[in-house]
Amino acid sequence: MTTLTRADPMRILNKVPEITIYFWIIKIMATTVGETAADFLNFNLKLGLTGTSLVMAALLAAFLFMQIRARKYIPTLYWIAVVLISVVGTLITDNLVDNFGVPLQTATLAFALALLATFIVWFSRERTLSIHTIFTRRREAFYWLAILFTFALGTAAGDWAAEGLQLGYAHSTLMFGAMIAAVALLHYLFRTHAILAFWIAYILTRPLGASFGDYLSQPASLGGIGLGTVITSAIFLISILGLVSYLTVTRKDVRTPLSIREDRMA
């Protein structure tokens, strides 16, 4: 395990927000934006899949650089990075499937293995996968790499369920929502390991948000309700902005020093 002293220049404050109901609401909305915004940029603005991928990858690189350089959790910066990585994760899957002809089930398996490999290397180096101890830049690098793979995996799994298995967007939304509820019940009623429960739920929120976003934005002929990508993206972006502004003022998602010490001792 990495040992840090108070004077260690690599020590930073924990860079991840407290896991509250606000965290999960914003996370799900960010995944929805990732799905609809990618479609909006690709089709409505006619940037094309390659052009959209290049623009969003450049934006993500810029904001991740600022996020990793910061020495504390900044709600606006953190959630912009999450929204951008959601879009890029979607585009990675879309590129593999649309441009390279990779089947959705193959993409799902590939990203699952990539995520597993990330967790194995992360744990072997740091001896923990807890998001409450992201207080070195190496841990934060592992964290964001894992987040990227969860979004890519969730996109592939969601599309595979809705389109490949022909469950439809509404049924896929209900299915992934039920799976998240089951994970929550196992954690709170049967004390499933907190870190394991968190990462399973985090992965499942991606196909939940993607399926829900497609259900809202796609036309009725494709199983949606036809709001379109512009309106759907705008609704969720405004909602995210409102919640992040609220958290910036109230700091309800900032961990207390006592809580952080307890996590490090666990």
C-alpha atoms as a PDB file:
ATOM      1  CA  MET A   1       0.000   0.000   0.000  1.00  0.00           C
ATOM      2  CA  THR A   2       1.179   3.508  -0.745  1.00  0.00           C
ATOM      3  CA  THR A   3       2.390   5.243   2.430  1.00  0.00           C
ATOM      4  CA  LEU A   4       2.058   9.013   2.526  1.00  0.00           C
ATOM      5  CA  THR A   5       3.284  11.513   5.070  1.00  0.00           C
ATOM      6  CA  ARG A   6       1.759  14.891   5.769  1.00  0.00           C
ATOM      7  CA  ALA A   7       4.585  16.540   3.811  1.00  0.00           C
ATOM      8  CA  ASP A   8       4.249  14.257   0.788  1.00  0.00           C
ATOM      9  CA  PRO A   9       3.712  16.503  -2.278  1.00  0.00           C
ATOM     10  CA  MET A  10       1.481  13.852  -3.859  1.00  0.00           C
ATOM     11  CA  ARG A  11      -1.031  14.010  -0.983  1.00  0.00           C
ATOM     12  CA  ILE A  12      -4.251  15.818  -1.895  1.00  0.00           C
ATOM     13  CA  LEU A  13      -7.686  16.022  -0.372  1.00  0.00           C
ATOM     14  CA  ASN A  14     -10.132  13.302  -1.366  1.00  0.00           C
ATOM     15  CA  LYS A  15     -11.229  14.190  -4.912  1.00  0.00           C
ATOM     16  CA  VAL A  16     -14.525  12.289  -5.033  1.00  0.00           C
ATOM     17  CA  PRO A  17     -17.829  13.548  -3.553  1.00  0.00           C
ATOM     18  CA  GLU A  18     -19.695  11.899  -0.726  1.00  0.00           C
ATOM     19  CA  ILE A  19     -22.001   9.159  -1.987  1.00  0.00           C
ATOM     20  CA  THR A  20     -25.430  10.630  -1.356  1.00  0.00           C
ATOM     21  CA  ILE A  21     -28.739  10.571  -3.206  1.00  0.00           C
ATOM     22  CA  TYR A  22     -27.488  13.666  -5.061  1.00  0.00           C
ATOM     23  CA  PHE A  23     -24.500  11.697  -6.356  1.00  0.00           C
ATOM     24  CA  TRP A  24     -26.683   8.983  -7.862  1.00  0.00           C
ATOM     25  CA  ILE A  25     -29.219  11.413  -9.345  1.00  0.00           C
ATOM     26  CA  ILE A  26     -26.519  13.466 -11.074  1.00  0.00           C
ATOM     27  CA  LYS A  27     -24.677  10.317 -12.165  1.00  0.00           C
ATOM     28  CA  ILE A  28     -27.772   8.870 -13.866  1.00  0.00           C
ATOM     29  CA  MET A  29     -28.565  12.188 -15.528  1.00  0.00           C
ATOM     30  CA  ALA A  30     -24.951  12.462 -16.711  1.00  0.00           C
ATOM     31  CA  THR A  31     -25.207   9.038 -18.337  1.00  0.00           C
ATOM     32  CA  THR A  32     -28.418  10.116 -20.071  1.00  0.00           C
ATOM     33  CA  VAL A  33     -26.684  13.236 -21.377  1.00  0.00           C
ATOM     34  CA  GLY A  34     -23.798  11.066 -22.558  1.00  0.00           C
ATOM     35  CA  GLU A  35     -26.172   9.110 -24.753  1.00  0.00           C
ATOM     36  CA  THR A  36     -28.284  11.963 -26.107  1.00  0.00           C
ATOM     37  CA  ALA A  37     -25.493  14.548 -26.458  1.00  0.00           C
ATOM     38  CA  ALA A  38     -23.380  12.138 -28.501  1.00  0.00           C
ATOM     39  CA  ASP A  39     -26.322  11.607 -30.858  1.00  0.00           C
ATOM     40  CA  PHE A  40     -27.008  15.360 -31.009  1.00  0.00           C
ATOM     41  CA  LEU A  41     -23.429  16.223 -31.956  1.00  0.00           C
ATOM     42  CA  ASN A  42     -23.173  13.345 -34.390  1.00  0.00           C
ATOM     43  CA  PHE A  43     -26.458  13.743 -36.248  1.00  0.00           C
ATOM     44  CA  ASN A  44     -27.993  17.151 -35.489  1.00  0.00           C
ATOM     45  CA  LEU A  45     -24.784  19.168 -35.801  1.00  0.00           C
ATOM     46  CA  LYS A  46     -23.539  16.785 -38.493  1.00  0.00           C
ATOM     47  CA  LEU A  47     -20.073  16.473 -36.991  1.00  0.00           C
ATOM     48  CA  GLY A  48     -20.087  12.776 -37.769  1.00  0.00           C
ATOM     49  CA  LEU A  49     -18.908  10.059 -35.437  1.00  0.00           C
ATOM     50  CA  THR A  50     -15.210  10.705 -36.024  1.00  0.00           C
ATOM     51  CA  GLY A  51     -15.496  14.499 -35.716  1.00  0.00           C
ATOM     52  CA  THR A  52     -17.616  14.237 -32.579  1.00  0.00           C
ATOM     53  CA  SER A  53     -15.148  11.789 -31.045  1.00  0.00           C
ATOM     54  CA  LEU A  54     -12.161  14.078 -31.673  1.00  0.00           C
ATOM     55  CA  VAL A  55     -13.881  17.185 -30.274  1.00  0.00           C
ATOM     56  CA  MET A  56     -15.178  15.463 -27.157  1.00  0.00           C
ATOM     57  CA  ALA A  57     -11.905  13.628 -26.504  1.00  0.00           C
ATOM     58  CA  ALA A  58     -10.040  16.957 -26.616  1.00  0.00           C
ATOM     59  CA  LEU A  59     -12.517  18.554 -24.201  1.00  0.00           C
ATOM     60  CA  LEU A  60     -12.309  15.581 -21.859  1.00  0.00           C
ATOM     61  CA  ALA A  61      -8.499  15.677 -21.875  1.00  0.00           C
ATOM     62  CA  ALA A  62      -8.546  19.381 -20.979  1.00  0.00           C
ATOM     63  CA  PHE A  63     -10.996  19.032 -18.100  1.00  0.00           C
ATOM     64  CA  LEU A  64      -9.408  15.841 -16.769  1.00  0.00           C
ATOM     65  CA  PHE A  65      -6.071  17.672 -16.702  1.00  0.00           C
ATOM     66  CA  MET A  66      -7.639  20.441 -14.612  1.00  0.00           C
ATOM     67  CA  GLN A  67      -9.458  17.919 -12.411  1.00  0.00           C
ATOM     68  CA  ILE A  68      -6.311  15.927 -11.670  1.00  0.00           C
ATOM     69  CA  ARG A  69      -4.255  19.087 -11.100  1.00  0.00           C
ATOM     70  CA  ALA A  70      -6.761  20.349  -8.529  1.00  0.00           C
ATOM     71  CA  ARG A  71      -5.897  19.497  -4.934  1.00  0.00           C
ATOM     72  CA  LYS A  72      -9.462  19.194  -3.648  1.00  0.00           C
ATOM     73  CA  TYR A  73     -12.954  18.243  -4.777  1.00  0.00           C
ATOM     74  CA  ILE A  74     -14.566  21.015  -6.850  1.00  0.00           C
ATOM     75  CA  PRO A  75     -18.184  20.059  -7.720  1.00  0.00           C
ATOM     76  CA  THR A  76     -18.391  21.933 -11.037  1.00  0.00           C
ATOM     77  CA  LEU A  77     -15.068  20.626 -12.323  1.00  0.00           C
ATOM     78  CA  TYR A  78     -15.727  17.066 -11.175  1.00  0.00           C
ATOM     79  CA  TRP A  79     -19.189  16.794 -12.735  1.00  0.00           C
ATOM     80  CA  ILE A  80     -18.143  18.415 -16.022  1.00  0.00           C
ATOM     81  CA  ALA A  81     -15.491  15.701 -16.235  1.00  0.00           C
ATOM     82  CA  VAL A  82     -18.128  13.027 -15.516  1.00  0.00           C
ATOM     83  CA  VAL A  83     -20.479  14.346 -18.218  1.00  0.00           C
ATOM     84  CA  LEU A  84     -17.633  14.517 -20.751  1.00  0.00           C
ATOM     85  CA  ILE A  85     -16.333  11.055 -19.916  1.00  0.00           C
ATOM     86  CA  SER A  86     -19.896   9.788 -20.290  1.00  0.00           C
ATOM     87  CA  VAL A  87     -20.038  11.191 -23.826  1.00  0.00           C
ATOM     88  CA  VAL A  88     -16.591   9.840 -24.713  1.00  0.00           C
ATOM     89  CA  GLY A  89     -17.399   6.412 -23.276  1.00  0.00           C
ATOM     90  CA  THR A  90     -20.498   6.310 -25.469  1.00  0.00           C
ATOM     91  CA  LEU A  91     -18.476   7.361 -28.518  1.00  0.00           C
ATOM     92  CA  ILE A  92     -15.829   4.686 -27.937  1.00  0.00           C
ATOM     93  CA  THR A  93     -18.500   1.996 -28.067  1.00  0.00           C
ATOM     94  CA  ASP A  94     -20.233   3.629 -31.040  1.00  0.00           C
ATOM     95  CA  ASN A  95     -16.956   3.764 -32.963  1.00  0.00           C
ATOM     96  CA  LEU A  96     -16.209   0.105 -32.318  1.00  0.00           C
ATOM     97  CA  VAL A  97     -19.703  -0.981 -33.342  1.00  0.00           C
ATOM     98  CA  ASP A  98     -20.438   1.399 -36.217  1.00  0.00           C
ATOM     99  CA  ASN A  99     -16.999   2.012 -37.721  1.00  0.00           C
ATOM    100  CA  PHE A 100     -15.290  -1.299 -37.034  1.00  0.00           C
ATOM    101  CA  GLY A 101     -18.247  -3.664 -37.006  1.00  0.00           C
ATOM    102  CA  VAL A 102     -17.603  -5.100 -33.546  1.00  0.00           C
ATOM    103  CA  PRO A 103     -20.740  -6.926 -32.293  1.00  0.00           C
ATOM    104  CA  LEU A 104     -22.332  -5.434 -29.174  1.00  0.00           C
ATOM    105  CA  GLN A 105     -21.891  -8.636 -27.176  1.00  0.00           C
ATOM    106  CA  THR A 106     -18.182  -8.686 -28.061  1.00  0.00           C
ATOM    107  CA  ALA A 107     -17.785  -5.030 -27.080  1.00  0.00           C
ATOM    108  CA  THR A 108     -19.582  -5.724 -23.805  1.00  0.00           C
ATOM    109  CA  LEU A 109     -17.219  -8.586 -22.972  1.00  0.00           C
ATOM    110  CA  ALA A 110     -14.134  -6.618 -24.028  1.00  0.00           C
ATOM    111  CA  PHE A 111     -14.964  -3.627 -21.833  1.00  0.00           C
ATOM    112  CA  ALA A 112     -15.890  -5.909 -18.925  1.00  0.00           C
ATOM    113  CA  LEU A 113     -12.443  -7.506 -19.155  1.00  0.00           C
ATOM    114  CA  ALA A 114     -10.744  -4.108 -19.491  1.00  0.00           C
ATOM    115  CA  LEU A 115     -12.563  -2.865 -16.382  1.00  0.00           C
ATOM    116  CA  LEU A 116     -11.658  -6.022 -14.476  1.00  0.00           C
ATOM    117  CA  ALA A 117      -8.002  -5.619 -15.461  1.00  0.00           C
ATOM    118  CA  THR A 118      -8.086  -1.991 -14.275  1.00  0.00           C
ATOM    119  CA  PHE A 119      -9.476  -3.050 -10.892  1.00  0.00           C
ATOM    120  CA  ILE A 120      -6.860  -5.800 -10.551  1.00  0.00           C
ATOM    121  CA  VAL A 121      -3.940  -3.461 -11.276  1.00  0.00           C
ATOM    122  CA  TRP A 122      -5.467  -0.699  -9.111  1.00  0.00           C
ATOM    123  CA  PHE A 123      -5.871  -3.048  -6.145  1.00  0.00           C
ATOM    124  CA  SER A 124      -2.439  -4.623  -6.604  1.00  0.00           C
ATOM    125  CA  ARG A 125      -0.812  -1.182  -6.432  1.00  0.00           C
ATOM    126  CA  GLU A 126      -3.002   0.510  -3.815  1.00  0.00           C
ATOM    127  CA  ARG A 127      -4.580  -2.388  -1.865  1.00  0.00           C
ATOM    128  CA  THR A 128      -7.973  -0.697  -2.014  1.00  0.00           C
ATOM    129  CA  LEU A 129     -10.662   0.228  -4.545  1.00  0.00           C
ATOM    130  CA  SER A 130     -12.408   2.624  -2.188  1.00  0.00           C
ATOM    131  CA  ILE A 131     -13.455   5.925  -3.734  1.00  0.00           C
ATOM    132  CA  HIS A 132     -13.191   7.512  -0.284  1.00  0.00           C
ATOM    133  CA  THR A 133      -9.402   7.397  -0.410  1.00  0.00           C
ATOM    134  CA  ILE A 134      -8.708   9.097  -3.733  1.00  0.00           C
ATOM    135  CA  PHE A 135      -5.996  11.286  -2.220  1.00  0.00           C
ATOM    136  CA  THR A 136      -3.085  10.629  -4.604  1.00  0.00           C
ATOM    137  CA  ARG A 137      -2.942  11.398  -8.291  1.00  0.00           C
ATOM    138  CA  ARG A 138      -2.099   7.775  -9.090  1.00  0.00           C
ATOM    139  CA  ARG A 139      -5.294   6.632  -7.399  1.00  0.00           C
ATOM    140  CA  GLU A 140      -7.226   9.313  -9.226  1.00  0.00           C
ATOM    141  CA  ALA A 141      -5.775   8.135 -12.549  1.00  0.00           C
ATOM    142  CA  PHE A 142      -6.979   4.597 -11.787  1.00  0.00           C
ATOM    143  CA  TYR A 143     -10.361   6.023 -10.761  1.00  0.00           C
ATOM    144  CA  TRP A 144     -10.947   7.923 -14.010  1.00  0.00           C
ATOM    145  CA  LEU A 145      -9.741   5.016 -16.141  1.00  0.00           C
ATOM    146  CA  ALA A 146     -12.232   2.755 -14.360  1.00  0.00           C
ATOM    147  CA  ILE A 147     -14.975   5.353 -14.855  1.00  0.00           C
ATOM    148  CA  LEU A 148     -14.239   5.505 -18.592  1.00  0.00           C
ATOM    149  CA  PHE A 149     -14.550   1.729 -18.909  1.00  0.00           C
ATOM    150  CA  THR A 150     -17.787   1.675 -16.881  1.00  0.00           C
ATOM    151  CA  PHE A 151     -19.333   4.138 -19.344  1.00  0.00           C
ATOM    152  CA  ALA A 152     -18.119   2.235 -22.401  1.00  0.00           C
ATOM    153  CA  LEU A 153     -19.248  -1.071 -20.863  1.00  0.00           C
ATOM    154  CA  GLY A 154     -22.617   0.342 -19.866  1.00  0.00           C
ATOM    155  CA  THR A 155     -23.209   1.753 -23.343  1.00  0.00           C
ATOM    156  CA  ALA A 156     -22.450  -1.593 -24.981  1.00  0.00           C
ATOM    157  CA  ALA A 157     -24.544  -3.549 -22.470  1.00  0.00           C
ATOM    158  CA  GLY A 158     -27.471  -1.138 -22.717  1.00  0.00           C
ATOM    159  CA  ASP A 159     -27.506  -1.177 -26.506  1.00  0.00           C
ATOM    160  CA  TRP A 160     -27.148  -4.949 -26.533  1.00  0.00           C
ATOM    161  CA  ALA A 161     -30.140  -5.321 -24.212  1.00  0.00           C
ATOM    162  CA  ALA A 162     -32.354  -2.775 -25.986  1.00  0.00           C
ATOM    163  CA  GLU A 163     -31.406  -3.551 -29.578  1.00  0.00           C
ATOM    164  CA  GLY A 164     -29.500  -6.831 -29.731  1.00  0.00           C
ATOM    165  CA  LEU A 165     -31.859  -8.681 -27.395  1.00  0.00           C
ATOM    166  CA  GLN A 166     -34.800  -6.571 -28.642  1.00  0.00           C
ATOM    167  CA  LEU A 167     -36.009  -5.699 -25.148  1.00  0.00           C
ATOM    168  CA  GLY A 168     -36.757  -2.119 -26.182  1.00  0.00           C
ATOM    169  CA  TYR A 169     -35.781   1.052 -24.352  1.00  0.00           C
ATOM    170  CA  ALA A 170     -38.608   1.024 -21.793  1.00  0.00           C
ATOM    171  CA  HIS A 171     -38.086  -2.593 -20.784  1.00  0.00           C
ATOM    172  CA  SER A 172     -34.321  -2.117 -20.651  1.00  0.00           C
ATOM    173  CA  THR A 173     -34.770   0.894 -18.366  1.00  0.00           C
ATOM    174  CA  LEU A 174     -36.977  -1.129 -16.030  1.00  0.00           C
ATOM    175  CA  MET A 175     -34.612  -4.107 -16.076  1.00  0.00           C
ATOM    176  CA  PHE A 176     -31.489  -2.124 -15.200  1.00  0.00           C
ATOM    177  CA  GLY A 177     -33.431  -0.121 -12.598  1.00  0.00           C
ATOM    178  CA  ALA A 178     -34.532  -3.367 -10.951  1.00  0.00           C
ATOM    179  CA  MET A 179     -30.947  -4.635 -10.955  1.00  0.00           C
ATOM    180  CA  ILE A 180     -29.743  -1.476  -9.200  1.00  0.00           C
ATOM    181  CA  ALA A 181     -32.554  -1.799  -6.648  1.00  0.00           C
ATOM    182  CA  ALA A 182     -31.494  -5.401  -6.008  1.00  0.00           C
ATOM    183  CA  VAL A 183     -27.890  -4.310  -5.399  1.00  0.00           C
ATOM    184  CA  ALA A 184     -29.101  -1.633  -2.956  1.00  0.00           C
ATOM    185  CA  LEU A 185     -31.229  -4.167  -1.074  1.00  0.00           C
ATOM    186  CA  LEU A 186     -28.362  -6.634  -0.851  1.00  0.00           C
ATOM    187  CA  HIS A 187     -26.120  -3.901   0.521  1.00  0.00           C
ATOM    188  CA  TYR A 188     -28.484  -2.374   3.066  1.00  0.00           C
ATOM    189  CA  LEU A 189     -30.295  -5.532   4.201  1.00  0.00           C
ATOM    190  CA  PHE A 190     -27.589  -8.170   3.904  1.00  0.00           C
ATOM    191  CA  ARG A 191     -24.495  -5.994   4.279  1.00  0.00           C
ATOM    192  CA  THR A 192     -22.948  -6.765   0.908  1.00  0.00           C
ATOM    193  CA  HIS A 193     -19.422  -5.347   0.716  1.00  0.00           C
ATOM    194  CA  ALA A 194     -19.790  -1.584   0.271  1.00  0.00           C
ATOM    195  CA  ILE A 195     -17.057  -1.152  -2.366  1.00  0.00           C
ATOM    196  CA  LEU A 196     -18.342  -4.094  -4.429  1.00  0.00           C
ATOM    197  CA  ALA A 197     -21.931  -2.824  -4.219  1.00  0.00           C
ATOM    198  CA  PHE A 198     -20.857   0.683  -5.231  1.00  0.00           C
ATOM    199  CA  TRP A 199     -19.007  -0.393  -8.360  1.00  0.00           C
ATOM    200  CA  ILE A 200     -21.750  -2.776  -9.489  1.00  0.00           C
ATOM    201  CA  ALA A 201     -24.340  -0.022  -9.062  1.00  0.00           C
ATOM    202  CA  TYR A 202     -22.059   2.483 -10.796  1.00  0.00           C
ATOM    203  CA  ILE A 203     -21.712   0.212 -13.821  1.00  0.00           C
ATOM    204  CA  LEU A 204     -25.468  -0.437 -13.978  1.00  0.00           C
ATOM    205  CA  THR A 205     -26.385   3.262 -13.877  1.00  0.00           C
ATOM    206  CA  ARG A 206     -24.801   3.670 -17.314  1.00  0.00           C
ATOM    207  CA  PRO A 207     -27.134   1.333 -19.243  1.00  0.00           C
ATOM    208  CA  LEU A 208     -30.015   2.610 -17.096  1.00  0.00           C
ATOM    209  CA  GLY A 209     -29.325   6.219 -18.076  1.00  0.00           C
ATOM    210  CA  ALA A 210     -28.604   5.333 -21.704  1.00  0.00           C
ATOM    211  CA  SER A 211     -31.795   3.307 -22.081  1.00  0.00           C
ATOM    212  CA  PHE A 212     -33.831   6.030 -20.382  1.00  0.00           C
ATOM    213  CA  GLY A 213     -32.256   8.706 -22.583  1.00  0.00           C
ATOM    214  CA  ASP A 214     -33.058   6.731 -25.721  1.00  0.00           C
ATOM    215  CA  TYR A 215     -36.597   6.129 -24.476  1.00  0.00           C
ATOM    216  CA  LEU A 216     -37.141   9.870 -24.058  1.00  0.00           C
ATOM    217  CA  SER A 217     -35.390  11.004 -27.229  1.00  0.00           C
ATOM    218  CA  GLN A 218     -36.166   8.354 -29.844  1.00  0.00           C
ATOM    219  CA  PRO A 219     -39.350   8.502 -31.954  1.00  0.00           C
ATOM    220  CA  ALA A 220     -42.318   6.267 -31.195  1.00  0.00           C
ATOM    221  CA  SER A 221     -41.519   4.132 -34.242  1.00  0.00           C
ATOM    222  CA  LEU A 222     -38.293   3.064 -32.490  1.00  0.00           C
ATOM    223  CA  GLY A 223     -39.859   2.546 -29.069  1.00  0.00           C
ATOM    224  CA  GLY A 224     -39.338   6.020 -27.592  1.00  0.00           C
ATOM    225  CA  ILE A 225     -41.614   8.953 -26.810  1.00  0.00           C
ATOM    226  CA  GLY A 226     -40.052  11.353 -29.315  1.00  0.00           C
ATOM    227  CA  LEU A 227     -38.706  14.282 -27.268  1.00  0.00           C
ATOM    228  CA  GLY A 228     -35.607  14.383 -29.435  1.00  0.00           C
ATOM    229  CA  THR A 229     -31.963  14.676 -28.441  1.00  0.00           C
ATOM    230  CA  VAL A 230     -32.013  18.487 -28.130  1.00  0.00           C
ATOM    231  CA  ILE A 231     -34.848  18.689 -25.610  1.00  0.00           C
ATOM    232  CA  THR A 232     -33.719  15.600 -23.688  1.00  0.00           C
ATOM    233  CA  SER A 233     -30.117  16.848 -23.420  1.00  0.00           C
ATOM    234  CA  ALA A 234     -31.287  20.334 -22.399  1.00  0.00           C
ATOM    235  CA  ILE A 235     -33.589  19.017 -19.663  1.00  0.00           C
ATOM    236  CA  PHE A 236     -30.884  16.930 -18.058  1.00  0.00           C
ATOM    237  CA  LEU A 237     -28.087  19.459 -18.478  1.00  0.00           C
ATOM    238  CA  ILE A 238     -30.184  22.154 -16.780  1.00  0.00           C
ATOM    239  CA  SER A 239     -31.079  19.718 -13.991  1.00  0.00           C
ATOM    240  CA  ILE A 240     -27.426  18.798 -13.495  1.00  0.00           C
ATOM    241  CA  LEU A 241     -26.436  22.466 -13.435  1.00  0.00           C
ATOM    242  CA  GLY A 242     -29.062  23.188 -10.782  1.00  0.00           C
ATOM    243  CA  LEU A 243     -28.011  20.316  -8.534  1.00  0.00           C
ATOM    244  CA  VAL A 244     -24.289  21.012  -8.887  1.00  0.00           C
ATOM    245  CA  SER A 245     -24.892  24.692  -8.054  1.00  0.00           C
ATOM    246  CA  TYR A 246     -26.847  23.617  -4.983  1.00  0.00           C
ATOM    247  CA  LEU A 247     -24.055  21.288  -3.856  1.00  0.00           C
ATOM    248  CA  THR A 248     -21.428  23.956  -4.465  1.00  0.00           C
ATOM    249  CA  VAL A 249     -23.247  26.278  -2.080  1.00  0.00           C
ATOM    250  CA  THR A 250     -24.371  23.766   0.555  1.00  0.00           C
ATOM    251  CA  ARG A 251     -21.362  21.394   0.374  1.00  0.00           C
ATOM    252  CA  LYS A 252     -23.648  18.500   1.243  1.00  0.00           C
ATOM    253  CA  ASP A 253     -21.460  16.141  -0.792  1.00  0.00           C
ATOM    254  CA  VAL A 254     -18.151  17.053   0.849  1.00  0.00           C
ATOM    255  CA  ARG A 255     -16.768  14.456   3.222  1.00  0.00           C
ATOM    256  CA  THR A 256     -15.842  15.571   6.726  1.00  0.00           C
ATOM    257  CA  PRO A 257     -12.293  15.047   7.999  1.00  0.00           C
ATOM    258  CA  LEU A 258     -13.644  12.559  10.568  1.00  0.00           C
ATOM    259  CA  SER A 259     -15.313  10.443   7.892  1.00  0.00           C
ATOM    260  CA  ILE A 260     -12.153  10.437   5.779  1.00  0.00           C
ATOM    261  CA  ARG A 261     -10.037   9.321   8.760  1.00  0.00           C
ATOM    262  CA  GLU A 262     -12.489   6.519   9.506  1.00  0.00           C
ATOM    263  CA  ASP A 263     -12.303   5.316   5.878  1.00  0.00           C
ATOM    264  CA  ARG A 264      -8.516   5.291   5.920  1.00  0.00           C
ATOM    265  CA  MET A 265      -8.496   3.237   9.123  1.00  0.00           C
ATOM    266  CA  ALA A 266     -10.999   0.688   7.729  1.00  0.00           C
END
